[in-house]
Amino acid sequence: MFKNSWNILLLFLFLIFGSPAYPSDSSAKGIEKYTLKISRKFANTYCNSTKFGISKDGALKFSIGETNKEFSNKKLNKFINFKLLNKNIILSLENNCQIFDFPEYELDKLTFKN
């Protein structure tokens, strides 16, 4: 009887004073996946815009706006390496759209809120 009540008391204390453990979303693999997701979104939007007949400047502004709209205010934005993101975007443009002359400095306008 004493053993059962002791176990119940300990269980009750663990439930009351125990703090939940949450996984960290900011792992290196998670950040890499997030960066690739952003670069694919930008590249797909840019490719579709240029194929639809929008000029390169218009497609760039539209792609930056759509990407900012979708990924702003995400908690992983503070961990983004923008040099790596820009390289991934250029690689996505080359591989998926066969755009080989995209200037990297144009991607400086792509920023996210932390």
PDB file of N, CA and C in Angstrom:
ATOM      1  N   MET A   1       0.820  -1.181   0.000  1.00  0.00           N
ATOM      2  CA  MET A   1       0.000   0.000   0.000  1.00  0.00           C
ATOM      3  C   MET A   1       0.872   1.255   0.000  1.00  0.00           C
ATOM      4  N   PHE A   2       1.881   1.268   0.866  1.00  0.00           N
ATOM      5  CA  PHE A   2       2.781   2.421   0.926  1.00  0.00           C
ATOM      6  C   PHE A   2       3.512   2.610  -0.402  1.00  0.00           C
ATOM      7  N   LYS A   3       3.916   1.505  -1.030  1.00  0.00           N
ATOM      8  CA  LYS A   3       4.652   1.556  -2.298  1.00  0.00           C
ATOM      9  C   LYS A   3       3.784   2.139  -3.416  1.00  0.00           C
ATOM     10  N   ASN A   4       2.519   1.747  -3.461  1.00  0.00           N
ATOM     11  CA  ASN A   4       1.608   2.271  -4.482  1.00  0.00           C
ATOM     12  C   ASN A   4       1.356   3.762  -4.298  1.00  0.00           C
ATOM     13  N   SER A   5       1.139   4.183  -3.078  1.00  0.00           N
ATOM     14  CA  SER A   5       0.902   5.608  -2.846  1.00  0.00           C
ATOM     15  C   SER A   5       2.160   6.429  -3.137  1.00  0.00           C
ATOM     16  N   TRP A   6       3.330   5.890  -2.843  1.00  0.00           N
ATOM     17  CA  TRP A   6       4.594   6.563  -3.146  1.00  0.00           C
ATOM     18  C   TRP A   6       4.751   6.734  -4.653  1.00  0.00           C
ATOM     19  N   ASN A   7       4.453   5.700  -5.432  1.00  0.00           N
ATOM     20  CA  ASN A   7       4.530   5.773  -6.896  1.00  0.00           C
ATOM     21  C   ASN A   7       3.554   6.788  -7.463  1.00  0.00           C
ATOM     22  N   ILE A   8       2.362   6.836  -6.935  1.00  0.00           N
ATOM     23  CA  ILE A   8       1.364   7.808  -7.385  1.00  0.00           C
ATOM     24  C   ILE A   8       1.823   9.225  -7.067  1.00  0.00           C
ATOM     25  N   LEU A   9       2.393   9.424  -5.889  1.00  0.00           N
ATOM     26  CA  LEU A   9       2.907  10.745  -5.503  1.00  0.00           C
ATOM     27  C   LEU A   9       4.044  11.181  -6.436  1.00  0.00           C
ATOM     28  N   LEU A  10       4.960  10.284  -6.732  1.00  0.00           N
ATOM     29  CA  LEU A  10       6.058  10.618  -7.649  1.00  0.00           C
ATOM     30  C   LEU A  10       5.545  10.923  -9.054  1.00  0.00           C
ATOM     31  N   LEU A  11       4.614  10.132  -9.520  1.00  0.00           N
ATOM     32  CA  LEU A  11       4.032  10.374 -10.844  1.00  0.00           C
ATOM     33  C   LEU A  11       3.344  11.729 -10.887  1.00  0.00           C
ATOM     34  N   PHE A  12       2.619  12.057  -9.852  1.00  0.00           N
ATOM     35  CA  PHE A  12       1.946  13.346  -9.764  1.00  0.00           C
ATOM     36  C   PHE A  12       2.946  14.496  -9.783  1.00  0.00           C
ATOM     37  N   LEU A  13       4.035  14.365  -9.049  1.00  0.00           N
ATOM     38  CA  LEU A  13       5.061  15.413  -9.028  1.00  0.00           C
ATOM     39  C   LEU A  13       5.732  15.580 -10.393  1.00  0.00           C
ATOM     40  N   PHE A  14       6.000  14.476 -11.076  1.00  0.00           N
ATOM     41  CA  PHE A  14       6.602  14.562 -12.405  1.00  0.00           C
ATOM     42  C   PHE A  14       5.665  15.240 -13.404  1.00  0.00           C
ATOM     43  N   LEU A  15       4.382  14.959 -13.282  1.00  0.00           N
ATOM     44  CA  LEU A  15       3.417  15.584 -14.192  1.00  0.00           C
ATOM     45  C   LEU A  15       3.255  17.073 -13.925  1.00  0.00           C
ATOM     46  N   ILE A  16       3.298  17.459 -12.685  1.00  0.00           N
ATOM     47  CA  ILE A  16       3.119  18.865 -12.323  1.00  0.00           C
ATOM     48  C   ILE A  16       4.358  19.691 -12.646  1.00  0.00           C
ATOM     49  N   PHE A  17       5.525  19.208 -12.234  1.00  0.00           N
ATOM     50  CA  PHE A  17       6.733  20.015 -12.332  1.00  0.00           C
ATOM     51  C   PHE A  17       7.615  19.674 -13.527  1.00  0.00           C
ATOM     52  N   GLY A  18       7.247  18.696 -14.295  1.00  0.00           N
ATOM     53  CA  GLY A  18       8.037  18.344 -15.477  1.00  0.00           C
ATOM     54  C   GLY A  18       7.804  19.354 -16.591  1.00  0.00           C
ATOM     55  N   SER A  19       8.836  19.716 -17.287  1.00  0.00           N
ATOM     56  CA  SER A  19       8.686  20.636 -18.408  1.00  0.00           C
ATOM     57  C   SER A  19       8.776  19.842 -19.708  1.00  0.00           C
ATOM     58  N   PRO A  20       7.936  20.180 -20.667  1.00  0.00           N
ATOM     59  CA  PRO A  20       7.955  19.428 -21.922  1.00  0.00           C
ATOM     60  C   PRO A  20       9.209  19.732 -22.726  1.00  0.00           C
ATOM     61  N   ALA A  21       9.645  18.773 -23.472  1.00  0.00           N
ATOM     62  CA  ALA A  21      10.817  18.943 -24.339  1.00  0.00           C
ATOM     63  C   ALA A  21      10.343  19.043 -25.776  1.00  0.00           C
ATOM     64  N   TYR A  22      10.731  20.085 -26.444  1.00  0.00           N
ATOM     65  CA  TYR A  22      10.349  20.300 -27.829  1.00  0.00           C
ATOM     66  C   TYR A  22      11.573  20.143 -28.719  1.00  0.00           C
ATOM     67  N   PRO A  23      11.393  19.573 -29.893  1.00  0.00           N
ATOM     68  CA  PRO A  23      12.536  19.430 -30.796  1.00  0.00           C
ATOM     69  C   PRO A  23      12.954  20.788 -31.345  1.00  0.00           C
ATOM     70  N   SER A  24      14.199  20.917 -31.624  1.00  0.00           N
ATOM     71  CA  SER A  24      14.726  22.160 -32.174  1.00  0.00           C
ATOM     72  C   SER A  24      14.599  22.136 -33.689  1.00  0.00           C
ATOM     73  N   ASP A  25      13.920  23.137 -34.245  1.00  0.00           N
ATOM     74  CA  ASP A  25      13.742  23.224 -35.689  1.00  0.00           C
ATOM     75  C   ASP A  25      14.959  23.815 -36.372  1.00  0.00           C
ATOM     76  N   SER A  26      15.894  24.313 -35.614  1.00  0.00           N
ATOM     77  CA  SER A  26      17.017  25.031 -36.195  1.00  0.00           C
ATOM     78  C   SER A  26      18.240  24.140 -36.374  1.00  0.00           C
ATOM     79  N   SER A  27      18.032  22.880 -36.658  1.00  0.00           N
ATOM     80  CA  SER A  27      19.168  22.009 -36.918  1.00  0.00           C
ATOM     81  C   SER A  27      19.753  22.345 -38.285  1.00  0.00           C
ATOM     82  N   ALA A  28      20.966  21.911 -38.515  1.00  0.00           N
ATOM     83  CA  ALA A  28      21.632  22.227 -39.789  1.00  0.00           C
ATOM     84  C   ALA A  28      20.872  21.625 -40.965  1.00  0.00           C
ATOM     85  N   LYS A  29      20.351  20.425 -40.785  1.00  0.00           N
ATOM     86  CA  LYS A  29      19.609  19.779 -41.861  1.00  0.00           C
ATOM     87  C   LYS A  29      18.299  20.517 -42.139  1.00  0.00           C
ATOM     88  N   GLY A  30      17.640  20.969 -41.092  1.00  0.00           N
ATOM     89  CA  GLY A  30      16.395  21.711 -41.251  1.00  0.00           C
ATOM     90  C   GLY A  30      16.613  23.041 -41.961  1.00  0.00           C
ATOM     91  N   ILE A  31      17.702  23.715 -41.621  1.00  0.00           N
ATOM     92  CA  ILE A  31      18.014  24.998 -42.262  1.00  0.00           C
ATOM     93  C   ILE A  31      18.356  24.774 -43.731  1.00  0.00           C
ATOM     94  N   GLU A  32      19.082  23.699 -44.020  1.00  0.00           N
ATOM     95  CA  GLU A  32      19.437  23.395 -45.410  1.00  0.00           C
ATOM     96  C   GLU A  32      18.182  23.093 -46.237  1.00  0.00           C
ATOM     97  N   LYS A  33      17.262  22.320 -45.681  1.00  0.00           N
ATOM     98  CA  LYS A  33      16.009  22.031 -46.384  1.00  0.00           C
ATOM     99  C   LYS A  33      15.200  23.306 -46.615  1.00  0.00           C
ATOM    100  N   TYR A  34      15.168  24.161 -45.612  1.00  0.00           N
ATOM    101  CA  TYR A  34      14.444  25.433 -45.719  1.00  0.00           C
ATOM    102  C   TYR A  34      15.062  26.310 -46.802  1.00  0.00           C
ATOM    103  N   THR A  35      16.380  26.370 -46.862  1.00  0.00           N
ATOM    104  CA  THR A  35      17.072  27.157 -47.884  1.00  0.00           C
ATOM    105  C   THR A  35      16.781  26.605 -49.278  1.00  0.00           C
ATOM    106  N   LEU A  36      16.788  25.294 -49.420  1.00  0.00           N
ATOM    107  CA  LEU A  36      16.475  24.690 -50.719  1.00  0.00           C
ATOM    108  C   LEU A  36      15.029  24.940 -51.116  1.00  0.00           C
ATOM    109  N   LYS A  37      14.134  24.944 -50.154  1.00  0.00           N
ATOM    110  CA  LYS A  37      12.725  25.222 -50.438  1.00  0.00           C
ATOM    111  C   LYS A  37      12.551  26.648 -50.954  1.00  0.00           C
ATOM    112  N   ILE A  38      13.253  27.589 -50.335  1.00  0.00           N
ATOM    113  CA  ILE A  38      13.186  28.989 -50.775  1.00  0.00           C
ATOM    114  C   ILE A  38      13.751  29.118 -52.186  1.00  0.00           C
ATOM    115  N   SER A  39      14.884  28.485 -52.445  1.00  0.00           N
ATOM    116  CA  SER A  39      15.512  28.624 -53.767  1.00  0.00           C
ATOM    117  C   SER A  39      14.652  27.982 -54.850  1.00  0.00           C
ATOM    118  N   ARG A  40      14.023  26.844 -54.566  1.00  0.00           N
ATOM    119  CA  ARG A  40      13.131  26.227 -55.558  1.00  0.00           C
ATOM    120  C   ARG A  40      11.920  27.102 -55.835  1.00  0.00           C
ATOM    121  N   LYS A  41      11.352  27.693 -54.782  1.00  0.00           N
ATOM    122  CA  LYS A  41      10.197  28.580 -54.947  1.00  0.00           C
ATOM    123  C   LYS A  41      10.556  29.774 -55.821  1.00  0.00           C
ATOM    124  N   PHE A  42      11.681  30.406 -55.528  1.00  0.00           N
ATOM    125  CA  PHE A  42      12.096  31.570 -56.308  1.00  0.00           C
ATOM    126  C   PHE A  42      12.345  31.180 -57.764  1.00  0.00           C
ATOM    127  N   ALA A  43      13.084  30.086 -57.973  1.00  0.00           N
ATOM    128  CA  ALA A  43      13.426  29.666 -59.334  1.00  0.00           C
ATOM    129  C   ALA A  43      12.177  29.292 -60.125  1.00  0.00           C
ATOM    130  N   ASN A  44      11.263  28.563 -59.519  1.00  0.00           N
ATOM    131  CA  ASN A  44      10.035  28.183 -60.215  1.00  0.00           C
ATOM    132  C   ASN A  44       9.188  29.395 -60.577  1.00  0.00           C
ATOM    133  N   THR A  45       9.083  30.332 -59.656  1.00  0.00           N
ATOM    134  CA  THR A  45       8.309  31.546 -59.922  1.00  0.00           C
ATOM    135  C   THR A  45       8.950  32.363 -61.032  1.00  0.00           C
ATOM    136  N   TYR A  46      10.263  32.501 -61.001  1.00  0.00           N
ATOM    137  CA  TYR A  46      10.968  33.261 -62.032  1.00  0.00           C
ATOM    138  C   TYR A  46      10.825  32.583 -63.397  1.00  0.00           C
ATOM    139  N   CYS A  47      11.004  31.268 -63.437  1.00  0.00           N
ATOM    140  CA  CYS A  47      10.897  30.532 -64.703  1.00  0.00           C
ATOM    141  C   CYS A  47       9.499  30.644 -65.290  1.00  0.00           C
ATOM    142  N   ASN A  48       8.493  30.423 -64.460  1.00  0.00           N
ATOM    143  CA  ASN A  48       7.115  30.505 -64.942  1.00  0.00           C
ATOM    144  C   ASN A  48       6.771  31.910 -65.419  1.00  0.00           C
ATOM    145  N   SER A  49       7.288  32.920 -64.742  1.00  0.00           N
ATOM    146  CA  SER A  49       7.003  34.305 -65.138  1.00  0.00           C
ATOM    147  C   SER A  49       7.627  34.637 -66.488  1.00  0.00           C
ATOM    148  N   THR A  50       8.873  34.222 -66.687  1.00  0.00           N
ATOM    149  CA  THR A  50       9.521  34.519 -67.964  1.00  0.00           C
ATOM    150  C   THR A  50       8.904  33.718 -69.098  1.00  0.00           C
ATOM    151  N   LYS A  51       8.484  32.487 -68.822  1.00  0.00           N
ATOM    152  CA  LYS A  51       7.828  31.681 -69.861  1.00  0.00           C
ATOM    153  C   LYS A  51       6.442  32.218 -70.194  1.00  0.00           C
ATOM    154  N   PHE A  52       5.839  32.898 -69.245  1.00  0.00           N
ATOM    155  CA  PHE A  52       4.515  33.469 -69.457  1.00  0.00           C
ATOM    156  C   PHE A  52       4.583  34.763 -70.263  1.00  0.00           C
ATOM    157  N   GLY A  53       5.774  35.292 -70.470  1.00  0.00           N
ATOM    158  CA  GLY A  53       5.939  36.477 -71.300  1.00  0.00           C
ATOM    159  C   GLY A  53       6.261  37.737 -70.540  1.00  0.00           C
ATOM    160  N   ILE A  54       6.490  37.643 -69.268  1.00  0.00           N
ATOM    161  CA  ILE A  54       6.850  38.816 -68.469  1.00  0.00           C
ATOM    162  C   ILE A  54       8.337  39.087 -68.672  1.00  0.00           C
ATOM    163  N   SER A  55       8.701  40.371 -68.718  1.00  0.00           N
ATOM    164  CA  SER A  55      10.106  40.726 -68.918  1.00  0.00           C
ATOM    165  C   SER A  55      10.954  40.225 -67.747  1.00  0.00           C
ATOM    166  N   LYS A  56      12.268  40.222 -67.943  1.00  0.00           N
ATOM    167  CA  LYS A  56      13.163  39.728 -66.893  1.00  0.00           C
ATOM    168  C   LYS A  56      13.078  40.580 -65.635  1.00  0.00           C
ATOM    169  N   ASP A  57      12.994  41.896 -65.796  1.00  0.00           N
ATOM    170  CA  ASP A  57      12.871  42.768 -64.621  1.00  0.00           C
ATOM    171  C   ASP A  57      11.547  42.543 -63.901  1.00  0.00           C
ATOM    172  N   GLY A  58      10.485  42.425 -64.659  1.00  0.00           N
ATOM    173  CA  GLY A  58       9.177  42.168 -64.056  1.00  0.00           C
ATOM    174  C   GLY A  58       9.117  40.821 -63.372  1.00  0.00           C
ATOM    175  N   ALA A  59       9.709  39.808 -64.013  1.00  0.00           N
ATOM    176  CA  ALA A  59       9.739  38.475 -63.415  1.00  0.00           C
ATOM    177  C   ALA A  59      10.567  38.474 -62.136  1.00  0.00           C
ATOM    178  N   LEU A  60      11.661  39.236 -62.125  1.00  0.00           N
ATOM    179  CA  LEU A  60      12.499  39.327 -60.930  1.00  0.00           C
ATOM    180  C   LEU A  60      11.727  39.979 -59.785  1.00  0.00           C
ATOM    181  N   LYS A  61      11.066  41.093 -60.055  1.00  0.00           N
ATOM    182  CA  LYS A  61      10.304  41.774 -59.006  1.00  0.00           C
ATOM    183  C   LYS A  61       9.164  40.896 -58.501  1.00  0.00           C
ATOM    184  N   PHE A  62       8.486  40.218 -59.425  1.00  0.00           N
ATOM    185  CA  PHE A  62       7.383  39.341 -59.031  1.00  0.00           C
ATOM    186  C   PHE A  62       7.889  38.168 -58.190  1.00  0.00           C
ATOM    187  N   SER A  63       8.995  37.576 -58.594  1.00  0.00           N
ATOM    188  CA  SER A  63       9.555  36.434 -57.865  1.00  0.00           C
ATOM    189  C   SER A  63      10.015  36.832 -56.473  1.00  0.00           C
ATOM    190  N   ILE A  64      10.662  37.973 -56.360  1.00  0.00           N
ATOM    191  CA  ILE A  64      11.096  38.463 -55.050  1.00  0.00           C
ATOM    192  C   ILE A  64       9.881  38.737 -54.166  1.00  0.00           C
ATOM    193  N   GLY A  65       8.860  39.368 -54.734  1.00  0.00           N
ATOM    194  CA  GLY A  65       7.655  39.662 -53.959  1.00  0.00           C
ATOM    195  C   GLY A  65       6.942  38.409 -53.482  1.00  0.00           C
ATOM    196  N   GLU A  66       6.765  37.439 -54.368  1.00  0.00           N
ATOM    197  CA  GLU A  66       6.087  36.199 -53.995  1.00  0.00           C
ATOM    198  C   GLU A  66       6.888  35.400 -52.967  1.00  0.00           C
ATOM    199  N   THR A  67       8.200  35.355 -53.149  1.00  0.00           N
ATOM    200  CA  THR A  67       9.038  34.616 -52.202  1.00  0.00           C
ATOM    201  C   THR A  67       9.032  35.300 -50.839  1.00  0.00           C
ATOM    202  N   ASN A  68       9.125  36.614 -50.829  1.00  0.00           N
ATOM    203  CA  ASN A  68       9.060  37.350 -49.559  1.00  0.00           C
ATOM    204  C   ASN A  68       7.712  37.143 -48.875  1.00  0.00           C
ATOM    205  N   LYS A  69       6.653  37.151 -49.664  1.00  0.00           N
ATOM    206  CA  LYS A  69       5.325  36.990 -49.092  1.00  0.00           C
ATOM    207  C   LYS A  69       5.164  35.614 -48.440  1.00  0.00           C
ATOM    208  N   GLU A  70       5.690  34.585 -49.092  1.00  0.00           N
ATOM    209  CA  GLU A  70       5.515  33.233 -48.570  1.00  0.00           C
ATOM    210  C   GLU A  70       6.423  32.926 -47.384  1.00  0.00           C
ATOM    211  N   PHE A  71       7.647  33.453 -47.391  1.00  0.00           N
ATOM    212  CA  PHE A  71       8.624  33.060 -46.375  1.00  0.00           C
ATOM    213  C   PHE A  71       8.928  34.132 -45.341  1.00  0.00           C
ATOM    214  N   SER A  72       8.286  35.280 -45.393  1.00  0.00           N
ATOM    215  CA  SER A  72       8.562  36.287 -44.369  1.00  0.00           C
ATOM    216  C   SER A  72       7.922  35.850 -43.054  1.00  0.00           C
ATOM    217  N   ASN A  73       8.486  36.303 -41.980  1.00  0.00           N
ATOM    218  CA  ASN A  73       8.020  36.024 -40.617  1.00  0.00           C
ATOM    219  C   ASN A  73       8.106  34.550 -40.228  1.00  0.00           C
ATOM    220  N   LYS A  74       9.005  33.798 -40.817  1.00  0.00           N
ATOM    221  CA  LYS A  74       9.263  32.415 -40.393  1.00  0.00           C
ATOM    222  C   LYS A  74      10.406  32.445 -39.387  1.00  0.00           C
ATOM    223  N   LYS A  75      10.387  31.536 -38.434  1.00  0.00           N
ATOM    224  CA  LYS A  75      11.403  31.600 -37.381  1.00  0.00           C
ATOM    225  C   LYS A  75      12.768  31.114 -37.843  1.00  0.00           C
ATOM    226  N   LEU A  76      12.849  30.413 -38.957  1.00  0.00           N
ATOM    227  CA  LEU A  76      14.150  29.959 -39.460  1.00  0.00           C
ATOM    228  C   LEU A  76      14.877  31.027 -40.275  1.00  0.00           C
ATOM    229  N   ASN A  77      14.234  32.156 -40.533  1.00  0.00           N
ATOM    230  CA  ASN A  77      14.854  33.203 -41.351  1.00  0.00           C
ATOM    231  C   ASN A  77      16.130  33.764 -40.735  1.00  0.00           C
ATOM    232  N   LYS A  78      16.214  33.746 -39.415  1.00  0.00           N
ATOM    233  CA  LYS A  78      17.409  34.309 -38.781  1.00  0.00           C
ATOM    234  C   LYS A  78      18.635  33.419 -38.946  1.00  0.00           C
ATOM    235  N   PHE A  79      18.444  32.178 -39.401  1.00  0.00           N
ATOM    236  CA  PHE A  79      19.557  31.256 -39.582  1.00  0.00           C
ATOM    237  C   PHE A  79      19.988  31.123 -41.047  1.00  0.00           C
ATOM    238  N   ILE A  80      19.357  31.859 -41.944  1.00  0.00           N
ATOM    239  CA  ILE A  80      19.647  31.724 -43.380  1.00  0.00           C
ATOM    240  C   ILE A  80      21.011  32.319 -43.702  1.00  0.00           C
ATOM    241  N   ASN A  81      21.808  31.581 -44.442  1.00  0.00           N
ATOM    242  CA  ASN A  81      23.052  32.075 -45.004  1.00  0.00           C
ATOM    243  C   ASN A  81      22.719  32.568 -46.419  1.00  0.00           C
ATOM    244  N   PHE A  82      22.693  33.886 -46.613  1.00  0.00           N
ATOM    245  CA  PHE A  82      22.212  34.448 -47.871  1.00  0.00           C
ATOM    246  C   PHE A  82      23.161  34.176 -49.035  1.00  0.00           C
ATOM    247  N   LYS A  83      24.439  34.022 -48.763  1.00  0.00           N
ATOM    248  CA  LYS A  83      25.364  33.665 -49.850  1.00  0.00           C
ATOM    249  C   LYS A  83      25.047  32.271 -50.371  1.00  0.00           C
ATOM    250  N   LEU A  84      24.793  31.349 -49.461  1.00  0.00           N
ATOM    251  CA  LEU A  84      24.426  29.991 -49.852  1.00  0.00           C
ATOM    252  C   LEU A  84      23.063  29.979 -50.541  1.00  0.00           C
ATOM    253  N   LEU A  85      22.128  30.764 -50.050  1.00  0.00           N
ATOM    254  CA  LEU A  85      20.806  30.863 -50.670  1.00  0.00           C
ATOM    255  C   LEU A  85      20.915  31.381 -52.100  1.00  0.00           C
ATOM    256  N   ASN A  86      21.722  32.416 -52.303  1.00  0.00           N
ATOM    257  CA  ASN A  86      21.892  32.971 -53.643  1.00  0.00           C
ATOM    258  C   ASN A  86      22.515  31.952 -54.590  1.00  0.00           C
ATOM    259  N   LYS A  87      23.496  31.200 -54.113  1.00  0.00           N
ATOM    260  CA  LYS A  87      24.115  30.161 -54.948  1.00  0.00           C
ATOM    261  C   LYS A  87      23.112  29.068 -55.291  1.00  0.00           C
ATOM    262  N   ASN A  88      22.274  28.685 -54.319  1.00  0.00           N
ATOM    263  CA  ASN A  88      21.250  27.677 -54.577  1.00  0.00           C
ATOM    264  C   ASN A  88      20.214  28.165 -55.583  1.00  0.00           C
ATOM    265  N   ILE A  89      19.857  29.436 -55.501  1.00  0.00           N
ATOM    266  CA  ILE A  89      18.898  29.996 -56.461  1.00  0.00           C
ATOM    267  C   ILE A  89      19.487  29.977 -57.863  1.00  0.00           C
ATOM    268  N   ILE A  90      20.729  30.390 -57.987  1.00  0.00           N
ATOM    269  CA  ILE A  90      21.370  30.407 -59.308  1.00  0.00           C
ATOM    270  C   ILE A  90      21.492  28.990 -59.862  1.00  0.00           C
ATOM    271  N   LEU A  91      21.848  28.038 -59.022  1.00  0.00           N
ATOM    272  CA  LEU A  91      21.914  26.643 -59.471  1.00  0.00           C
ATOM    273  C   LEU A  91      20.542  26.123 -59.890  1.00  0.00           C
ATOM    274  N   SER A  92      19.507  26.482 -59.149  1.00  0.00           N
ATOM    275  CA  SER A  92      18.153  26.068 -59.521  1.00  0.00           C
ATOM    276  C   SER A  92      17.730  26.679 -60.842  1.00  0.00           C
ATOM    277  N   LEU A  93      18.090  27.936 -61.043  1.00  0.00           N
ATOM    278  CA  LEU A  93      17.764  28.586 -62.320  1.00  0.00           C
ATOM    279  C   LEU A  93      18.499  27.919 -63.475  1.00  0.00           C
ATOM    280  N   GLU A  94      19.758  27.564 -63.261  1.00  0.00           N
ATOM    281  CA  GLU A  94      20.525  26.909 -64.316  1.00  0.00           C
ATOM    282  C   GLU A  94      20.000  25.502 -64.606  1.00  0.00           C
ATOM    283  N   ASN A  95      19.696  24.743 -63.574  1.00  0.00           N
ATOM    284  CA  ASN A  95      19.273  23.362 -63.760  1.00  0.00           C
ATOM    285  C   ASN A  95      17.842  23.235 -64.261  1.00  0.00           C
ATOM    286  N   ASN A  96      16.941  24.043 -63.750  1.00  0.00           N
ATOM    287  CA  ASN A  96      15.526  23.891 -64.072  1.00  0.00           C
ATOM    288  C   ASN A  96      15.062  24.756 -65.231  1.00  0.00           C
ATOM    289  N   CYS A  97      15.688  25.910 -65.423  1.00  0.00           N
ATOM    290  CA  CYS A  97      15.193  26.860 -66.416  1.00  0.00           C
ATOM    291  C   CYS A  97      16.183  27.134 -67.547  1.00  0.00           C
ATOM    292  N   GLN A  98      17.394  26.619 -67.414  1.00  0.00           N
ATOM    293  CA  GLN A  98      18.461  26.865 -68.381  1.00  0.00           C
ATOM    294  C   GLN A  98      18.732  28.367 -68.537  1.00  0.00           C
ATOM    295  N   ILE A  99      18.723  29.070 -67.407  1.00  0.00           N
ATOM    296  CA  ILE A  99      19.087  30.487 -67.375  1.00  0.00           C
ATOM    297  C   ILE A  99      20.490  30.553 -66.783  1.00  0.00           C
ATOM    298  N   PHE A 100      21.456  30.878 -67.628  1.00  0.00           N
ATOM    299  CA  PHE A 100      22.859  30.820 -67.213  1.00  0.00           C
ATOM    300  C   PHE A 100      23.476  32.202 -66.971  1.00  0.00           C
ATOM    301  N   ASP A 101      22.773  33.254 -67.298  1.00  0.00           N
ATOM    302  CA  ASP A 101      23.347  34.596 -67.182  1.00  0.00           C
ATOM    303  C   ASP A 101      22.645  35.441 -66.118  1.00  0.00           C
ATOM    304  N   PHE A 102      22.112  34.809 -65.097  1.00  0.00           N
ATOM    305  CA  PHE A 102      21.403  35.545 -64.058  1.00  0.00           C
ATOM    306  C   PHE A 102      22.404  36.239 -63.144  1.00  0.00           C
ATOM    307  N   PRO A 103      22.298  37.562 -62.993  1.00  0.00           N
ATOM    308  CA  PRO A 103      23.259  38.291 -62.139  1.00  0.00           C
ATOM    309  C   PRO A 103      22.961  38.070 -60.652  1.00  0.00           C
ATOM    310  N   GLU A 104      23.991  37.709 -59.910  1.00  0.00           N
ATOM    311  CA  GLU A 104      23.820  37.398 -58.489  1.00  0.00           C
ATOM    312  C   GLU A 104      23.483  38.637 -57.661  1.00  0.00           C
ATOM    313  N   TYR A 105      23.928  39.794 -58.087  1.00  0.00           N
ATOM    314  CA  TYR A 105      23.663  41.009 -57.311  1.00  0.00           C
ATOM    315  C   TYR A 105      22.177  41.355 -57.285  1.00  0.00           C
ATOM    316  N   GLU A 106      21.393  40.849 -58.225  1.00  0.00           N
ATOM    317  CA  GLU A 106      19.951  41.104 -58.232  1.00  0.00           C
ATOM    318  C   GLU A 106      19.259  40.433 -57.042  1.00  0.00           C
ATOM    319  N   LEU A 107      19.879  39.398 -56.504  1.00  0.00           N
ATOM    320  CA  LEU A 107      19.286  38.671 -55.393  1.00  0.00           C
ATOM    321  C   LEU A 107      19.489  39.371 -54.052  1.00  0.00           C
ATOM    322  N   ASP A 108      20.213  40.481 -54.043  1.00  0.00           N
ATOM    323  CA  ASP A 108      20.406  41.234 -52.803  1.00  0.00           C
ATOM    324  C   ASP A 108      19.088  41.834 -52.320  1.00  0.00           C
ATOM    325  N   LYS A 109      18.116  41.973 -53.205  1.00  0.00           N
ATOM    326  CA  LYS A 109      16.819  42.531 -52.842  1.00  0.00           C
ATOM    327  C   LYS A 109      15.951  41.514 -52.098  1.00  0.00           C
ATOM    328  N   LEU A 110      16.364  40.264 -52.112  1.00  0.00           N
ATOM    329  CA  LEU A 110      15.618  39.196 -51.447  1.00  0.00           C
ATOM    330  C   LEU A 110      16.017  39.146 -49.975  1.00  0.00           C
ATOM    331  N   THR A 111      15.196  39.707 -49.119  1.00  0.00           N
ATOM    332  CA  THR A 111      15.446  39.711 -47.683  1.00  0.00           C
ATOM    333  C   THR A 111      14.194  39.265 -46.957  1.00  0.00           C
ATOM    334  N   PHE A 112      14.370  38.766 -45.765  1.00  0.00           N
ATOM    335  CA  PHE A 112      13.264  38.261 -44.977  1.00  0.00           C
ATOM    336  C   PHE A 112      13.286  38.905 -43.598  1.00  0.00           C
ATOM    337  N   LYS A 113      12.101  39.021 -43.005  1.00  0.00           N
ATOM    338  CA  LYS A 113      12.005  39.520 -41.635  1.00  0.00           C
ATOM    339  C   LYS A 113      12.383  38.393 -40.684  1.00  0.00           C
ATOM    340  N   ASN A 114      13.049  38.728 -39.610  1.00  0.00           N
ATOM    341  CA  ASN A 114      13.430  37.719 -38.602  1.00  0.00           C
ATOM    342  C   ASN A 114      12.349  37.540 -37.575  1.00  0.00           C
TER     343      ASN A 114
END
